[in-house]
Amino acid sequence: MLVLAIESSCDETAAAVVRDGRTVLSSIVASQVAIHAEYGGVVPEIASRRHLESVAPVVIEALKTAGVTLDEIKGIAVTQGPGLVGALLVGIAAARGIAAACSIPVTGVNHIEAHLLAPFLEQEIAFPYLALVVSGGHTHLYKVDGIGHYTILGQTLDDAAGEAFDKVAKLVGLPYPGGALIDRLAAEGDPVAVKLPRPLLHDGSCNFSFSGLKTAVLNWTQKNPEGKSGQLLNDLCASFQAAVCEVLTVKTWSALEKTGITRLVIAGGVACNSGLRREMSRLAATRGIDLYIPSPALCADNAAMVAVPGEFYLSRRIATINGFDALPSWPLDRIKARFAEAT
C-alpha cells in the first residue's frame, strides 16, 4: 500500500511517500527555522502562512522523488493533532482535497503516536515496549502494547525538556532554536562545573519537572554574568544538559523497573541530543535493555513517521476521530476510541 503522508503540526511542512508503512520512498521537509529565529520562537500566524505556501510544492516533490503519481497512491495520512491549530488545518485541508480529487481514503494521525512508531521505518520492534517521547512540546513516558494501544506512565508537570533547552539557550543569549547549540557547547564543557538541581529525581513517580531547573540557570547567570560567554558558558551548557539527561534517564529506568519491560524507544526532537543518546545507551548496556532510537531525521518532525500508524488505520478502515477537526490538544488515551468506530 502506497501512502502519501502530510505533516504540518508546527513549523515544518513535510510530505512523504511510504510503502506498507515501513519503506520510505521519499521524505521532504520544508523548514521554517530561519524565519522564526528572528522572533526567538515559532509565531503561529507566520507558521500557518508558510505552510500555505509550502504544502503543494512539498507534496509534488515527495511524489517526484518517490517516482510515483497520485494515481498510484492508495491512501493519505495527515497529522490531525496535537499542534498549532492554524498549521494543522493547512495540512488537513490539503490531504482532504487530494483525497477527494483522487477518490482515495484519508485518515488523521496523532503527532505523538507517529513519533512513538517512527523506529518501525528502520527496524521491527516487538510489543510491548516503553517509549520516552521528548521534544519541544512533550516529555511523556508511554507503555506501547500495539498500534493504537498506549498507556501513559509519566509526563512533565510544567516545561517539556525541549522547551527548557530553548528557554535556557535564550537566557544565555544563544539564538533560536538553542537546543542543538547547547548540545554543541556542552561537548566543550565540564558537566559538574555548575551545581544544578535534578527536580523530582527521587520522588518515586515517573513524572518530570524542568521549570525549577530553568530558574536555577537564570539565578546562576544573574550571579555570574560572565558565564554567558567563553569556557564558563560551555560549562553551564554541559551542566544543564547533564541535569536534564540524568532526570530523563533515571525516570525512564524507574518506569522500566515498574513495568518489567526490556525494550525502550526514545523519540522526538530531543532524541537527537548527543548527551541523551549517550546516557540512554549506557543505561541499556548496563541494564540489559534493547534500545531503539530513530535516526536524527526521523526524530525531528517529518511526514514519513505519520505513515506508520496511517497505513495501519487505512488498511483496516478504522475511522478518524472527530471527523477532520484539527485537534490542537489530543491525548493519546483517546486513540482507542477510533477502534469502536471501525467501518
C-alpha atoms as a PDB file:
ATOM      1  CA  MET A   1       0.000   0.000   0.000  1.00  0.00           C
ATOM      2  CA  LEU A   2       1.462   3.349  -1.051  1.00  0.00           C
ATOM      3  CA  VAL A   3       0.602   6.093   1.426  1.00  0.00           C
ATOM      4  CA  LEU A   4       1.111   9.820   0.976  1.00  0.00           C
ATOM      5  CA  ALA A   5       1.711  11.378   4.396  1.00  0.00           C
ATOM      6  CA  ILE A   6       1.496  15.078   5.290  1.00  0.00           C
ATOM      7  CA  GLU A   7       2.780  16.775   8.464  1.00  0.00           C
ATOM      8  CA  SER A   8       2.180  20.433   9.420  1.00  0.00           C
ATOM      9  CA  SER A   9       1.717  20.475  13.192  1.00  0.00           C
ATOM     10  CA  CYS A  10       4.213  23.247  13.961  1.00  0.00           C
ATOM     11  CA  ASP A  11       6.866  24.881  11.779  1.00  0.00           C
ATOM     12  CA  GLU A  12       7.861  22.078   9.404  1.00  0.00           C
ATOM     13  CA  THR A  13       5.892  21.438   6.224  1.00  0.00           C
ATOM     14  CA  ALA A  14       6.565  17.822   5.322  1.00  0.00           C
ATOM     15  CA  ALA A  15       5.358  15.165   2.916  1.00  0.00           C
ATOM     16  CA  ALA A  16       6.464  11.590   2.335  1.00  0.00           C
ATOM     17  CA  VAL A  17       5.589   8.531   0.301  1.00  0.00           C
ATOM     18  CA  VAL A  18       5.850   5.277   2.256  1.00  0.00           C
ATOM     19  CA  ARG A  19       5.150   1.709   1.151  1.00  0.00           C
ATOM     20  CA  ASP A  20       3.273  -0.586   3.569  1.00  0.00           C
ATOM     21  CA  GLY A  21       4.005   1.713   6.495  1.00  0.00           C
ATOM     22  CA  ARG A  22       7.634   0.624   6.551  1.00  0.00           C
ATOM     23  CA  THR A  23       9.615   1.550   3.421  1.00  0.00           C
ATOM     24  CA  VAL A  24      10.307   5.256   2.882  1.00  0.00           C
ATOM     25  CA  LEU A  25      10.361   6.156  -0.808  1.00  0.00           C
ATOM     26  CA  SER A  26      10.662   9.877  -0.161  1.00  0.00           C
ATOM     27  CA  SER A  27      10.648  12.287   2.779  1.00  0.00           C
ATOM     28  CA  ILE A  28      10.641  16.023   2.067  1.00  0.00           C
ATOM     29  CA  VAL A  29      10.761  18.697   4.790  1.00  0.00           C
ATOM     30  CA  ALA A  30      10.494  22.465   4.309  1.00  0.00           C
ATOM     31  CA  SER A  31      11.828  24.106   7.470  1.00  0.00           C
ATOM     32  CA  GLN A  32      10.797  27.493   8.826  1.00  0.00           C
ATOM     33  CA  VAL A  33      13.595  27.766  11.388  1.00  0.00           C
ATOM     34  CA  ALA A  34      15.313  30.719   9.710  1.00  0.00           C
ATOM     35  CA  ILE A  35      12.035  32.662   9.559  1.00  0.00           C
ATOM     36  CA  HIS A  36      11.111  32.175  13.220  1.00  0.00           C
ATOM     37  CA  ALA A  37      14.667  32.679  14.521  1.00  0.00           C
ATOM     38  CA  GLU A  38      14.170  36.437  14.151  1.00  0.00           C
ATOM     39  CA  TYR A  39      11.377  36.265  16.747  1.00  0.00           C
ATOM     40  CA  GLY A  40      13.072  33.827  19.130  1.00  0.00           C
ATOM     41  CA  GLY A  41      10.363  31.198  18.708  1.00  0.00           C
ATOM     42  CA  VAL A  42       7.552  29.968  16.480  1.00  0.00           C
ATOM     43  CA  VAL A  43       4.948  32.609  15.559  1.00  0.00           C
ATOM     44  CA  PRO A  44       1.722  30.666  14.842  1.00  0.00           C
ATOM     45  CA  GLU A  45       0.299  33.058  12.232  1.00  0.00           C
ATOM     46  CA  ILE A  46       3.555  33.143  10.286  1.00  0.00           C
ATOM     47  CA  ALA A  47       3.826  29.365  10.506  1.00  0.00           C
ATOM     48  CA  SER A  48       0.337  28.923   9.030  1.00  0.00           C
ATOM     49  CA  ARG A  49       1.065  31.265   6.132  1.00  0.00           C
ATOM     50  CA  ARG A  50       4.309  29.485   5.316  1.00  0.00           C
ATOM     51  CA  HIS A  51       2.523  26.135   5.379  1.00  0.00           C
ATOM     52  CA  LEU A  52       0.049  27.510   2.826  1.00  0.00           C
ATOM     53  CA  GLU A  53       2.924  28.489   0.569  1.00  0.00           C
ATOM     54  CA  SER A  54       4.878  25.261   1.003  1.00  0.00           C
ATOM     55  CA  VAL A  55       2.420  22.373   1.197  1.00  0.00           C
ATOM     56  CA  ALA A  56       1.757  21.961  -2.557  1.00  0.00           C
ATOM     57  CA  PRO A  57       5.445  22.164  -3.612  1.00  0.00           C
ATOM     58  CA  VAL A  58       6.437  19.748  -0.831  1.00  0.00           C
ATOM     59  CA  VAL A  59       3.798  17.181  -1.842  1.00  0.00           C
ATOM     60  CA  ILE A  60       4.808  17.477  -5.510  1.00  0.00           C
ATOM     61  CA  GLU A  61       8.472  16.990  -4.590  1.00  0.00           C
ATOM     62  CA  ALA A  62       7.655  13.958  -2.428  1.00  0.00           C
ATOM     63  CA  LEU A  63       5.810  12.284  -5.306  1.00  0.00           C
ATOM     64  CA  LYS A  64       8.562  13.163  -7.775  1.00  0.00           C
ATOM     65  CA  THR A  65      11.345  11.868  -5.529  1.00  0.00           C
ATOM     66  CA  ALA A  66       9.433   8.632  -4.898  1.00  0.00           C
ATOM     67  CA  GLY A  67       8.885   8.200  -8.638  1.00  0.00           C
ATOM     68  CA  VAL A  68       5.123   7.770  -8.291  1.00  0.00           C
ATOM     69  CA  THR A  69       1.977   9.614  -9.328  1.00  0.00           C
ATOM     70  CA  LEU A  70      -1.176  10.346  -7.386  1.00  0.00           C
ATOM     71  CA  ASP A  71      -2.886   7.569  -9.356  1.00  0.00           C
ATOM     72  CA  GLU A  72      -0.644   5.078  -7.538  1.00  0.00           C
ATOM     73  CA  ILE A  73      -1.346   6.439  -4.041  1.00  0.00           C
ATOM     74  CA  LYS A  74      -3.853   4.251  -2.179  1.00  0.00           C
ATOM     75  CA  GLY A  75      -4.391   6.406   0.911  1.00  0.00           C
ATOM     76  CA  ILE A  76      -3.414   9.641   2.640  1.00  0.00           C
ATOM     77  CA  ALA A  77      -2.343  10.072   6.274  1.00  0.00           C
ATOM     78  CA  VAL A  78      -2.214  13.550   7.767  1.00  0.00           C
ATOM     79  CA  THR A  79      -1.318  14.911  11.189  1.00  0.00           C
ATOM     80  CA  GLN A  80      -4.593  15.890  12.859  1.00  0.00           C
ATOM     81  CA  GLY A  81      -3.087  16.973  16.189  1.00  0.00           C
ATOM     82  CA  PRO A  82      -1.743  17.907  18.608  1.00  0.00           C
ATOM     83  CA  GLY A  83      -0.150  21.118  17.385  1.00  0.00           C
ATOM     84  CA  LEU A  84      -0.882  24.677  16.294  1.00  0.00           C
ATOM     85  CA  VAL A  85      -4.487  24.779  15.102  1.00  0.00           C
ATOM     86  CA  GLY A  86      -3.835  27.014  12.086  1.00  0.00           C
ATOM     87  CA  ALA A  87      -0.863  24.954  10.991  1.00  0.00           C
ATOM     88  CA  LEU A  88      -2.786  21.697  11.375  1.00  0.00           C
ATOM     89  CA  LEU A  89      -5.690  22.999   9.289  1.00  0.00           C
ATOM     90  CA  VAL A  90      -3.408  23.631   6.308  1.00  0.00           C
ATOM     91  CA  GLY A  91      -2.209  20.029   6.201  1.00  0.00           C
ATOM     92  CA  ILE A  92      -5.697  18.645   6.819  1.00  0.00           C
ATOM     93  CA  ALA A  93      -7.203  20.766   4.038  1.00  0.00           C
ATOM     94  CA  ALA A  94      -4.503  19.663   1.596  1.00  0.00           C
ATOM     95  CA  ALA A  95      -4.956  15.990   2.488  1.00  0.00           C
ATOM     96  CA  ARG A  96      -8.733  16.118   2.192  1.00  0.00           C
ATOM     97  CA  GLY A  97      -8.556  17.975  -1.094  1.00  0.00           C
ATOM     98  CA  ILE A  98      -6.194  15.442  -2.662  1.00  0.00           C
ATOM     99  CA  ALA A  99      -8.236  12.542  -1.296  1.00  0.00           C
ATOM    100  CA  ALA A 100     -11.469  13.952  -2.733  1.00  0.00           C
ATOM    101  CA  ALA A 101      -9.907  14.658  -6.115  1.00  0.00           C
ATOM    102  CA  CYS A 102      -8.396  11.170  -6.349  1.00  0.00           C
ATOM    103  CA  SER A 103     -11.259   9.282  -4.650  1.00  0.00           C
ATOM    104  CA  ILE A 104      -8.951   7.669  -2.096  1.00  0.00           C
ATOM    105  CA  PRO A 105      -9.310   7.326   1.683  1.00  0.00           C
ATOM    106  CA  VAL A 106      -7.684   9.717   4.143  1.00  0.00           C
ATOM    107  CA  THR A 107      -7.053   9.312   7.874  1.00  0.00           C
ATOM    108  CA  GLY A 108      -5.931  11.627  10.668  1.00  0.00           C
ATOM    109  CA  VAL A 109      -2.919  10.666  12.785  1.00  0.00           C
ATOM    110  CA  ASN A 110      -1.813  11.768  16.235  1.00  0.00           C
ATOM    111  CA  HIS A 111       1.583  13.502  16.026  1.00  0.00           C
ATOM    112  CA  ILE A 112       2.880  11.881  19.224  1.00  0.00           C
ATOM    113  CA  GLU A 113       1.677   8.458  18.085  1.00  0.00           C
ATOM    114  CA  ALA A 114       3.724   8.977  14.915  1.00  0.00           C
ATOM    115  CA  HIS A 115       6.847   9.701  16.997  1.00  0.00           C
ATOM    116  CA  LEU A 116       6.214   6.572  19.089  1.00  0.00           C
ATOM    117  CA  LEU A 117       6.181   4.429  15.956  1.00  0.00           C
ATOM    118  CA  ALA A 118       8.923   6.154  13.926  1.00  0.00           C
ATOM    119  CA  PRO A 119      11.512   3.408  14.675  1.00  0.00           C
ATOM    120  CA  PHE A 120       9.453   0.948  12.592  1.00  0.00           C
ATOM    121  CA  LEU A 121      10.689   2.750   9.492  1.00  0.00           C
ATOM    122  CA  GLU A 122      14.147   1.346  10.251  1.00  0.00           C
ATOM    123  CA  GLN A 123      13.511  -1.920  12.117  1.00  0.00           C
ATOM    124  CA  GLU A 124      10.752  -4.034  13.612  1.00  0.00           C
ATOM    125  CA  ILE A 125      10.149  -3.880  17.373  1.00  0.00           C
ATOM    126  CA  ALA A 126       8.200  -6.415  19.384  1.00  0.00           C
ATOM    127  CA  PHE A 127       5.343  -5.196  21.574  1.00  0.00           C
ATOM    128  CA  PRO A 128       5.116  -4.219  24.347  1.00  0.00           C
ATOM    129  CA  TYR A 129       7.806  -1.577  24.700  1.00  0.00           C
ATOM    130  CA  LEU A 130       8.374   1.541  26.770  1.00  0.00           C
ATOM    131  CA  ALA A 131       8.679   4.848  24.903  1.00  0.00           C
ATOM    132  CA  LEU A 132      10.023   8.214  26.006  1.00  0.00           C
ATOM    133  CA  VAL A 133       8.771  10.977  23.721  1.00  0.00           C
ATOM    134  CA  VAL A 134      10.846  14.063  24.395  1.00  0.00           C
ATOM    135  CA  SER A 135      10.528  17.229  22.327  1.00  0.00           C
ATOM    136  CA  GLY A 136       9.836  20.944  22.486  1.00  0.00           C
ATOM    137  CA  GLY A 137       6.233  20.374  23.474  1.00  0.00           C
ATOM    138  CA  HIS A 138       6.198  16.931  25.090  1.00  0.00           C
ATOM    139  CA  THR A 139       8.037  14.877  27.677  1.00  0.00           C
ATOM    140  CA  HIS A 140       5.995  11.720  28.220  1.00  0.00           C
ATOM    141  CA  LEU A 141       6.580   8.076  29.087  1.00  0.00           C
ATOM    142  CA  TYR A 142       4.259   5.539  27.460  1.00  0.00           C
ATOM    143  CA  LYS A 143       3.726   1.802  27.585  1.00  0.00           C
ATOM    144  CA  VAL A 144       3.070   0.743  23.988  1.00  0.00           C
ATOM    145  CA  ASP A 145       1.114  -2.510  23.696  1.00  0.00           C
ATOM    146  CA  GLY A 146       0.426  -2.148  19.971  1.00  0.00           C
ATOM    147  CA  ILE A 147      -0.576   0.432  17.405  1.00  0.00           C
ATOM    148  CA  GLY A 148      -3.465   2.352  18.920  1.00  0.00           C
ATOM    149  CA  HIS A 149      -2.901   0.965  22.422  1.00  0.00           C
ATOM    150  CA  TYR A 150      -0.936   3.339  24.665  1.00  0.00           C
ATOM    151  CA  THR A 151      -0.800   3.843  28.425  1.00  0.00           C
ATOM    152  CA  ILE A 152       0.746   6.991  29.850  1.00  0.00           C
ATOM    153  CA  LEU A 153       3.120   6.288  32.742  1.00  0.00           C
ATOM    154  CA  GLY A 154       4.527   9.750  33.362  1.00  0.00           C
ATOM    155  CA  GLN A 155       4.690  13.257  31.954  1.00  0.00           C
ATOM    156  CA  THR A 156       6.129  16.680  32.573  1.00  0.00           C
ATOM    157  CA  LEU A 157       4.277  18.763  35.145  1.00  0.00           C
ATOM    158  CA  ASP A 158       5.450  22.036  33.580  1.00  0.00           C
ATOM    159  CA  ASP A 159       8.019  22.636  30.826  1.00  0.00           C
ATOM    160  CA  ALA A 160       8.878  19.971  28.285  1.00  0.00           C
ATOM    161  CA  ALA A 161      12.573  19.118  28.081  1.00  0.00           C
ATOM    162  CA  GLY A 162      12.975  20.638  24.633  1.00  0.00           C
ATOM    163  CA  GLU A 163      11.218  23.790  25.767  1.00  0.00           C
ATOM    164  CA  ALA A 164      13.626  24.018  28.710  1.00  0.00           C
ATOM    165  CA  PHE A 165      16.593  23.693  26.338  1.00  0.00           C
ATOM    166  CA  ASP A 166      15.316  26.544  24.162  1.00  0.00           C
ATOM    167  CA  LYS A 167      14.450  28.775  27.135  1.00  0.00           C
ATOM    168  CA  VAL A 168      17.851  28.260  28.741  1.00  0.00           C
ATOM    169  CA  ALA A 169      19.511  28.999  25.403  1.00  0.00           C
ATOM    170  CA  LYS A 170      17.595  32.281  25.268  1.00  0.00           C
ATOM    171  CA  LEU A 171      18.634  33.109  28.855  1.00  0.00           C
ATOM    172  CA  VAL A 172      22.312  32.864  27.925  1.00  0.00           C
ATOM    173  CA  GLY A 173      21.953  34.745  24.652  1.00  0.00           C
ATOM    174  CA  LEU A 174      22.023  31.858  22.173  1.00  0.00           C
ATOM    175  CA  PRO A 175      19.871  32.172  19.028  1.00  0.00           C
ATOM    176  CA  TYR A 176      16.697  30.150  18.405  1.00  0.00           C
ATOM    177  CA  PRO A 177      16.461  27.188  18.260  1.00  0.00           C
ATOM    178  CA  GLY A 178      19.009  26.803  21.017  1.00  0.00           C
ATOM    179  CA  GLY A 179      18.818  23.115  21.930  1.00  0.00           C
ATOM    180  CA  ALA A 180      21.310  21.993  19.300  1.00  0.00           C
ATOM    181  CA  LEU A 181      23.667  24.849  20.219  1.00  0.00           C
ATOM    182  CA  ILE A 182      23.619  23.861  23.893  1.00  0.00           C
ATOM    183  CA  ASP A 183      24.471  20.298  22.872  1.00  0.00           C
ATOM    184  CA  ARG A 184      27.406  21.563  20.797  1.00  0.00           C
ATOM    185  CA  LEU A 185      28.782  23.829  23.540  1.00  0.00           C
ATOM    186  CA  ALA A 186      28.261  21.134  26.174  1.00  0.00           C
ATOM    187  CA  ALA A 187      30.792  18.958  24.373  1.00  0.00           C
ATOM    188  CA  GLU A 188      33.464  21.501  25.337  1.00  0.00           C
ATOM    189  CA  GLY A 189      32.324  21.985  28.933  1.00  0.00           C
ATOM    190  CA  ASP A 190      32.560  20.368  32.378  1.00  0.00           C
ATOM    191  CA  PRO A 191      29.214  18.754  33.335  1.00  0.00           C
ATOM    192  CA  VAL A 192      29.897  19.123  37.063  1.00  0.00           C
ATOM    193  CA  ALA A 193      31.210  22.700  36.999  1.00  0.00           C
ATOM    194  CA  VAL A 194      27.848  24.302  37.818  1.00  0.00           C
ATOM    195  CA  LYS A 195      25.746  22.763  40.559  1.00  0.00           C
ATOM    196  CA  LEU A 196      22.163  22.470  39.344  1.00  0.00           C
ATOM    197  CA  PRO A 197      19.100  20.678  40.784  1.00  0.00           C
ATOM    198  CA  ARG A 198      17.527  17.451  39.492  1.00  0.00           C
ATOM    199  CA  PRO A 199      13.782  18.104  40.042  1.00  0.00           C
ATOM    200  CA  LEU A 200      11.643  15.131  41.148  1.00  0.00           C
ATOM    201  CA  LEU A 201      14.611  12.814  40.667  1.00  0.00           C
ATOM    202  CA  HIS A 202      13.788  10.545  43.616  1.00  0.00           C
ATOM    203  CA  ASP A 203      10.095  11.254  44.268  1.00  0.00           C
ATOM    204  CA  GLY A 204       9.053   7.734  43.263  1.00  0.00           C
ATOM    205  CA  SER A 205       6.941   8.861  40.307  1.00  0.00           C
ATOM    206  CA  CYS A 206       7.619   8.752  36.572  1.00  0.00           C
ATOM    207  CA  ASN A 207       6.767  12.442  36.180  1.00  0.00           C
ATOM    208  CA  PHE A 208       9.153  15.222  35.178  1.00  0.00           C
ATOM    209  CA  SER A 209       9.636  18.886  36.039  1.00  0.00           C
ATOM    210  CA  PHE A 210      12.044  21.266  34.346  1.00  0.00           C
ATOM    211  CA  SER A 211      10.842  24.765  35.267  1.00  0.00           C
ATOM    212  CA  GLY A 212      12.859  24.763  38.512  1.00  0.00           C
ATOM    213  CA  LEU A 213      15.991  23.763  36.632  1.00  0.00           C
ATOM    214  CA  LYS A 214      15.431  26.613  34.201  1.00  0.00           C
ATOM    215  CA  THR A 215      15.024  29.028  37.133  1.00  0.00           C
ATOM    216  CA  ALA A 216      18.250  27.718  38.687  1.00  0.00           C
ATOM    217  CA  VAL A 217      20.099  28.554  35.465  1.00  0.00           C
ATOM    218  CA  LEU A 218      18.577  32.049  35.489  1.00  0.00           C
ATOM    219  CA  ASN A 219      19.688  32.621  39.097  1.00  0.00           C
ATOM    220  CA  TRP A 220      23.209  31.413  38.302  1.00  0.00           C
ATOM    221  CA  THR A 221      23.554  33.719  35.301  1.00  0.00           C
ATOM    222  CA  GLN A 222      22.373  36.689  37.364  1.00  0.00           C
ATOM    223  CA  LYS A 223      25.085  35.976  39.935  1.00  0.00           C
ATOM    224  CA  ASN A 224      27.657  35.125  37.266  1.00  0.00           C
ATOM    225  CA  PRO A 225      27.044  37.430  34.268  1.00  0.00           C
ATOM    226  CA  GLU A 226      30.412  36.454  32.838  1.00  0.00           C
ATOM    227  CA  GLY A 227      29.004  32.947  32.447  1.00  0.00           C
ATOM    228  CA  LYS A 228      27.268  33.874  29.200  1.00  0.00           C
ATOM    229  CA  SER A 229      30.416  33.504  27.147  1.00  0.00           C
ATOM    230  CA  GLY A 230      33.670  31.571  26.864  1.00  0.00           C
ATOM    231  CA  GLN A 231      34.505  28.481  28.853  1.00  0.00           C
ATOM    232  CA  LEU A 232      32.017  29.343  31.607  1.00  0.00           C
ATOM    233  CA  LEU A 233      29.214  29.182  29.050  1.00  0.00           C
ATOM    234  CA  ASN A 234      30.459  25.789  27.877  1.00  0.00           C
ATOM    235  CA  ASP A 235      30.491  24.578  31.489  1.00  0.00           C
ATOM    236  CA  LEU A 236      26.988  25.908  32.110  1.00  0.00           C
ATOM    237  CA  CYS A 237      25.635  24.211  28.984  1.00  0.00           C
ATOM    238  CA  ALA A 238      27.335  20.941  29.922  1.00  0.00           C
ATOM    239  CA  SER A 239      25.977  21.109  33.484  1.00  0.00           C
ATOM    240  CA  PHE A 240      22.448  21.938  32.342  1.00  0.00           C
ATOM    241  CA  GLN A 241      22.426  19.176  29.742  1.00  0.00           C
ATOM    242  CA  ALA A 242      23.778  16.674  32.276  1.00  0.00           C
ATOM    243  CA  ALA A 243      20.972  17.563  34.688  1.00  0.00           C
ATOM    244  CA  VAL A 244      18.252  17.110  32.077  1.00  0.00           C
ATOM    245  CA  CYS A 245      19.713  13.850  30.796  1.00  0.00           C
ATOM    246  CA  GLU A 246      20.090  12.429  34.301  1.00  0.00           C
ATOM    247  CA  VAL A 247      16.450  13.146  35.135  1.00  0.00           C
ATOM    248  CA  LEU A 248      15.237  11.644  31.850  1.00  0.00           C
ATOM    249  CA  THR A 249      17.394   8.548  32.272  1.00  0.00           C
ATOM    250  CA  VAL A 250      16.569   7.888  35.936  1.00  0.00           C
ATOM    251  CA  LYS A 251      12.827   8.341  35.380  1.00  0.00           C
ATOM    252  CA  THR A 252      12.904   6.094  32.330  1.00  0.00           C
ATOM    253  CA  TRP A 253      14.720   3.379  34.265  1.00  0.00           C
ATOM    254  CA  SER A 254      12.135   3.677  37.034  1.00  0.00           C
ATOM    255  CA  ALA A 255       9.354   3.067  34.502  1.00  0.00           C
ATOM    256  CA  LEU A 256      11.210   0.092  33.036  1.00  0.00           C
ATOM    257  CA  GLU A 257      11.591  -1.421  36.505  1.00  0.00           C
ATOM    258  CA  LYS A 258       7.935  -0.905  37.361  1.00  0.00           C
ATOM    259  CA  THR A 259       6.666  -2.478  34.145  1.00  0.00           C
ATOM    260  CA  GLY A 260       9.312  -5.185  33.724  1.00  0.00           C
ATOM    261  CA  ILE A 261       9.624  -4.228  30.042  1.00  0.00           C
ATOM    262  CA  THR A 262      13.047  -4.667  28.440  1.00  0.00           C
ATOM    263  CA  ARG A 263      12.502  -2.768  25.175  1.00  0.00           C
ATOM    264  CA  LEU A 264      12.895   1.015  25.072  1.00  0.00           C
ATOM    265  CA  VAL A 265      12.220   3.610  22.361  1.00  0.00           C
ATOM    266  CA  ILE A 266      13.463   7.204  22.608  1.00  0.00           C
ATOM    267  CA  ALA A 267      11.701   9.508  20.144  1.00  0.00           C
ATOM    268  CA  GLY A 268      11.065  13.183  19.427  1.00  0.00           C
ATOM    269  CA  GLY A 269      13.371  16.072  18.595  1.00  0.00           C
ATOM    270  CA  VAL A 270      15.397  15.924  21.818  1.00  0.00           C
ATOM    271  CA  ALA A 271      16.279  12.305  20.975  1.00  0.00           C
ATOM    272  CA  CYS A 272      18.858  13.899  18.640  1.00  0.00           C
ATOM    273  CA  ASN A 273      20.748  15.227  21.670  1.00  0.00           C
ATOM    274  CA  SER A 274      24.147  13.529  21.935  1.00  0.00           C
ATOM    275  CA  GLY A 275      24.163  13.566  25.737  1.00  0.00           C
ATOM    276  CA  LEU A 276      20.768  11.865  25.965  1.00  0.00           C
ATOM    277  CA  ARG A 277      21.735   9.255  23.376  1.00  0.00           C
ATOM    278  CA  ARG A 278      24.929   8.545  25.298  1.00  0.00           C
ATOM    279  CA  GLU A 279      23.188   8.201  28.674  1.00  0.00           C
ATOM    280  CA  MET A 280      20.395   6.024  27.306  1.00  0.00           C
ATOM    281  CA  SER A 281      22.924   3.813  25.535  1.00  0.00           C
ATOM    282  CA  ARG A 282      24.818   3.424  28.814  1.00  0.00           C
ATOM    283  CA  LEU A 283      21.579   2.556  30.622  1.00  0.00           C
ATOM    284  CA  ALA A 284      20.706  -0.045  28.013  1.00  0.00           C
ATOM    285  CA  ALA A 285      24.153  -1.620  28.100  1.00  0.00           C
ATOM    286  CA  THR A 286      24.320  -1.879  31.898  1.00  0.00           C
ATOM    287  CA  ARG A 287      20.696  -2.967  32.472  1.00  0.00           C
ATOM    288  CA  GLY A 288      20.195  -5.367  29.575  1.00  0.00           C
ATOM    289  CA  ILE A 289      17.684  -3.182  27.741  1.00  0.00           C
ATOM    290  CA  ASP A 290      17.049  -3.327  23.982  1.00  0.00           C
ATOM    291  CA  LEU A 291      17.297   0.326  22.914  1.00  0.00           C
ATOM    292  CA  TYR A 292      15.779   1.830  19.760  1.00  0.00           C
ATOM    293  CA  ILE A 293      16.456   5.443  18.787  1.00  0.00           C
ATOM    294  CA  PRO A 294      15.497   6.560  15.275  1.00  0.00           C
ATOM    295  CA  SER A 295      17.949   8.336  13.008  1.00  0.00           C
ATOM    296  CA  PRO A 296      18.034  12.114  13.637  1.00  0.00           C
ATOM    297  CA  ALA A 297      15.910  12.827  10.549  1.00  0.00           C
ATOM    298  CA  LEU A 298      13.171  10.597  11.968  1.00  0.00           C
ATOM    299  CA  CYS A 299      13.418  12.152  15.443  1.00  0.00           C
ATOM    300  CA  ALA A 300      12.676  15.642  14.138  1.00  0.00           C
ATOM    301  CA  ASP A 301       9.199  16.389  12.776  1.00  0.00           C
ATOM    302  CA  ASN A 302       8.698  14.591   9.460  1.00  0.00           C
ATOM    303  CA  ALA A 303       5.877  13.074   7.430  1.00  0.00           C
ATOM    304  CA  ALA A 304       7.320   9.581   6.970  1.00  0.00           C
ATOM    305  CA  MET A 305       6.574   8.667  10.590  1.00  0.00           C
ATOM    306  CA  VAL A 306       2.925   9.705  10.077  1.00  0.00           C
ATOM    307  CA  ALA A 307       2.580   6.916   7.516  1.00  0.00           C
ATOM    308  CA  VAL A 308       3.306   4.152  10.058  1.00  0.00           C
ATOM    309  CA  PRO A 309       0.056   4.457  12.043  1.00  0.00           C
ATOM    310  CA  GLY A 310      -1.614   5.943   8.962  1.00  0.00           C
ATOM    311  CA  GLU A 311      -1.152   2.785   6.902  1.00  0.00           C
ATOM    312  CA  PHE A 312      -2.368   0.677   9.839  1.00  0.00           C
ATOM    313  CA  TYR A 313      -5.629   2.631  10.149  1.00  0.00           C
ATOM    314  CA  LEU A 314      -6.184   2.996   6.394  1.00  0.00           C
ATOM    315  CA  SER A 315      -5.696  -0.706   5.664  1.00  0.00           C
ATOM    316  CA  ARG A 316      -8.166  -1.624   8.399  1.00  0.00           C
ATOM    317  CA  ARG A 317     -10.679   1.114   7.568  1.00  0.00           C
ATOM    318  CA  ILE A 318     -10.534   2.435  11.097  1.00  0.00           C
ATOM    319  CA  ALA A 319     -12.269   5.782  11.335  1.00  0.00           C
ATOM    320  CA  THR A 320     -10.685   9.110  12.163  1.00  0.00           C
ATOM    321  CA  ILE A 321     -11.670  10.687  15.487  1.00  0.00           C
ATOM    322  CA  ASN A 322     -13.984  13.753  15.387  1.00  0.00           C
ATOM    323  CA  GLY A 323     -14.246  13.757  11.608  1.00  0.00           C
ATOM    324  CA  PHE A 324     -11.475  16.040  10.419  1.00  0.00           C
ATOM    325  CA  ASP A 325     -11.413  18.764  13.034  1.00  0.00           C
ATOM    326  CA  ALA A 326      -7.918  19.947  13.914  1.00  0.00           C
ATOM    327  CA  LEU A 327      -7.161  18.698  17.418  1.00  0.00           C
ATOM    328  CA  PRO A 328      -4.592  21.059  18.992  1.00  0.00           C
ATOM    329  CA  SER A 329      -4.901  19.012  22.186  1.00  0.00           C
ATOM    330  CA  TRP A 330      -5.237  15.273  21.567  1.00  0.00           C
ATOM    331  CA  PRO A 331      -4.198  12.946  24.423  1.00  0.00           C
ATOM    332  CA  LEU A 332      -3.129   9.511  23.271  1.00  0.00           C
ATOM    333  CA  ASP A 333      -5.578   7.807  25.609  1.00  0.00           C
ATOM    334  CA  ARG A 334      -8.340   8.939  23.235  1.00  0.00           C
ATOM    335  CA  ILE A 335      -6.834   6.950  20.370  1.00  0.00           C
ATOM    336  CA  LYS A 336      -8.590   3.755  21.466  1.00  0.00           C
ATOM    337  CA  ALA A 337     -11.955   5.367  20.739  1.00  0.00           C
ATOM    338  CA  ARG A 338     -11.337   5.160  16.995  1.00  0.00           C
ATOM    339  CA  PHE A 339     -11.401   1.348  17.100  1.00  0.00           C
ATOM    340  CA  ALA A 340     -15.025   1.469  18.243  1.00  0.00           C
ATOM    341  CA  GLU A 341     -15.844   3.482  15.116  1.00  0.00           C
ATOM    342  CA  ALA A 342     -14.288   0.999  12.634  1.00  0.00           C
ATOM    343  CA  THR A 343     -16.272   0.878   9.425  1.00  0.00           C
END
